[in-house]
């Protein structure tokens, strides 16, 4: 059985997908660097939020090996900050 995955291995596009999936958060090169390094190295693919109900799935190239990915993902999630709304300081 063939599985089709709609995910990118392009760093720039992956960054845009992450930004689209987290519209209320500050997304920048600093807090996405490690994730994008895994994309560039072909370890993961980032799914297009338009294809996945505005979520940003991550597909591992080797589903049985999460050792590179899980620590990076946890650091990414813990680094996310909400954008300030108008009137907040």
C-alpha atoms as a PDB file:
ATOM      1  CA  UNK A   1       0.000   0.000   0.000  1.00  0.00           C
ATOM      2  CA  UNK A   2       1.338   3.420  -0.952  1.00  0.00           C
ATOM      3  CA  UNK A   3       0.992   6.373   1.383  1.00  0.00           C
ATOM      4  CA  UNK A   4       0.989   9.895  -0.006  1.00  0.00           C
ATOM      5  CA  UNK A   5       2.320  12.557   2.335  1.00  0.00           C
ATOM      6  CA  UNK A   6       1.734  16.229   1.638  1.00  0.00           C
ATOM      7  CA  UNK A   7       4.776  17.605   3.422  1.00  0.00           C
ATOM      8  CA  UNK A   8       7.735  19.683   2.401  1.00  0.00           C
ATOM      9  CA  UNK A   9      11.460  19.255   2.803  1.00  0.00           C
ATOM     10  CA  UNK A  10      12.093  22.855   1.721  1.00  0.00           C
ATOM     11  CA  UNK A  11      13.278  24.989   4.618  1.00  0.00           C
ATOM     12  CA  UNK A  12      11.589  28.228   3.463  1.00  0.00           C
ATOM     13  CA  UNK A  13       8.260  26.555   2.790  1.00  0.00           C
ATOM     14  CA  UNK A  14       8.375  24.645   6.091  1.00  0.00           C
ATOM     15  CA  UNK A  15       8.899  27.961   7.898  1.00  0.00           C
ATOM     16  CA  UNK A  16       5.834  29.410   6.163  1.00  0.00           C
ATOM     17  CA  UNK A  17       3.769  26.332   7.070  1.00  0.00           C
ATOM     18  CA  UNK A  18       4.771  26.624  10.723  1.00  0.00           C
ATOM     19  CA  UNK A  19       3.885  30.339  10.733  1.00  0.00           C
ATOM     20  CA  UNK A  20       0.493  29.579   9.192  1.00  0.00           C
ATOM     21  CA  UNK A  21      -0.230  26.829  11.719  1.00  0.00           C
ATOM     22  CA  UNK A  22       0.601  29.070  14.699  1.00  0.00           C
ATOM     23  CA  UNK A  23      -0.961  32.431  13.763  1.00  0.00           C
ATOM     24  CA  UNK A  24      -1.273  33.608  17.368  1.00  0.00           C
ATOM     25  CA  UNK A  25       2.348  32.898  18.229  1.00  0.00           C
ATOM     26  CA  UNK A  26       5.639  34.594  17.542  1.00  0.00           C
ATOM     27  CA  UNK A  27       7.370  32.434  14.949  1.00  0.00           C
ATOM     28  CA  UNK A  28      10.872  33.392  13.907  1.00  0.00           C
ATOM     29  CA  UNK A  29      14.153  31.899  12.733  1.00  0.00           C
ATOM     30  CA  UNK A  30      15.375  31.558  16.306  1.00  0.00           C
ATOM     31  CA  UNK A  31      12.571  29.352  17.654  1.00  0.00           C
ATOM     32  CA  UNK A  32      12.263  27.274  14.475  1.00  0.00           C
ATOM     33  CA  UNK A  33      15.959  26.783  13.673  1.00  0.00           C
ATOM     34  CA  UNK A  34      16.302  23.264  15.050  1.00  0.00           C
ATOM     35  CA  UNK A  35      13.062  22.100  13.431  1.00  0.00           C
ATOM     36  CA  UNK A  36      14.094  23.633  10.119  1.00  0.00           C
ATOM     37  CA  UNK A  37      17.530  22.005  10.406  1.00  0.00           C
ATOM     38  CA  UNK A  38      15.779  18.612  10.610  1.00  0.00           C
ATOM     39  CA  UNK A  39      13.759  19.562   7.526  1.00  0.00           C
ATOM     40  CA  UNK A  40      16.906  20.554   5.633  1.00  0.00           C
ATOM     41  CA  UNK A  41      18.636  17.328   6.671  1.00  0.00           C
ATOM     42  CA  UNK A  42      15.728  15.242   5.382  1.00  0.00           C
ATOM     43  CA  UNK A  43      14.818  13.850   8.807  1.00  0.00           C
ATOM     44  CA  UNK A  44      11.299  15.329   8.830  1.00  0.00           C
ATOM     45  CA  UNK A  45       8.701  16.842   6.515  1.00  0.00           C
ATOM     46  CA  UNK A  46       6.332  19.611   7.543  1.00  0.00           C
ATOM     47  CA  UNK A  47       2.742  19.267   6.363  1.00  0.00           C
ATOM     48  CA  UNK A  48       0.844  22.057   4.653  1.00  0.00           C
ATOM     49  CA  UNK A  49      -1.757  23.432   7.089  1.00  0.00           C
ATOM     50  CA  UNK A  50      -4.146  24.038   4.193  1.00  0.00           C
ATOM     51  CA  UNK A  51      -4.207  20.277   3.603  1.00  0.00           C
ATOM     52  CA  UNK A  52      -4.483  19.344   7.291  1.00  0.00           C
ATOM     53  CA  UNK A  53      -7.232  21.526   8.773  1.00  0.00           C
ATOM     54  CA  UNK A  54      -4.889  24.406   9.711  1.00  0.00           C
ATOM     55  CA  UNK A  55      -2.642  22.083  11.660  1.00  0.00           C
ATOM     56  CA  UNK A  56       1.003  21.515  10.897  1.00  0.00           C
ATOM     57  CA  UNK A  57       1.739  17.787  11.031  1.00  0.00           C
ATOM     58  CA  UNK A  58       5.305  16.566  11.136  1.00  0.00           C
ATOM     59  CA  UNK A  59       6.216  13.420   9.245  1.00  0.00           C
ATOM     60  CA  UNK A  60       9.348  11.553  10.232  1.00  0.00           C
ATOM     61  CA  UNK A  61      11.350   9.968   7.449  1.00  0.00           C
ATOM     62  CA  UNK A  62      12.022   7.035   9.781  1.00  0.00           C
ATOM     63  CA  UNK A  63       8.846   6.449  11.796  1.00  0.00           C
ATOM     64  CA  UNK A  64      10.714   4.128  14.171  1.00  0.00           C
ATOM     65  CA  UNK A  65      13.386   6.660  15.146  1.00  0.00           C
ATOM     66  CA  UNK A  66      12.206   9.724  17.050  1.00  0.00           C
ATOM     67  CA  UNK A  67      15.474  10.345  18.915  1.00  0.00           C
ATOM     68  CA  UNK A  68      16.415  13.405  16.840  1.00  0.00           C
ATOM     69  CA  UNK A  69      12.918  14.789  16.606  1.00  0.00           C
ATOM     70  CA  UNK A  70      11.272  14.598  20.040  1.00  0.00           C
ATOM     71  CA  UNK A  71      13.776  16.767  21.978  1.00  0.00           C
ATOM     72  CA  UNK A  72      13.711  19.375  19.200  1.00  0.00           C
ATOM     73  CA  UNK A  73       9.902  19.375  19.116  1.00  0.00           C
ATOM     74  CA  UNK A  74       9.674  19.802  22.900  1.00  0.00           C
ATOM     75  CA  UNK A  75      12.090  22.749  22.815  1.00  0.00           C
ATOM     76  CA  UNK A  76      10.138  24.307  19.938  1.00  0.00           C
ATOM     77  CA  UNK A  77       6.794  23.990  21.747  1.00  0.00           C
ATOM     78  CA  UNK A  78       8.216  25.375  24.993  1.00  0.00           C
ATOM     79  CA  UNK A  79       9.721  28.359  23.150  1.00  0.00           C
ATOM     80  CA  UNK A  80       6.419  29.518  21.636  1.00  0.00           C
ATOM     81  CA  UNK A  81       5.135  32.863  22.850  1.00  0.00           C
ATOM     82  CA  UNK A  82       1.719  34.307  22.154  1.00  0.00           C
ATOM     83  CA  UNK A  83       1.597  37.502  20.125  1.00  0.00           C
ATOM     84  CA  UNK A  84       0.487  40.531  22.045  1.00  0.00           C
ATOM     85  CA  UNK A  85      -2.902  41.882  21.102  1.00  0.00           C
ATOM     86  CA  UNK A  86      -3.654  45.560  20.675  1.00  0.00           C
ATOM     87  CA  UNK A  87      -3.670  47.306  24.046  1.00  0.00           C
ATOM     88  CA  UNK A  88      -1.344  44.792  25.719  1.00  0.00           C
ATOM     89  CA  UNK A  89       2.129  45.810  26.770  1.00  0.00           C
END
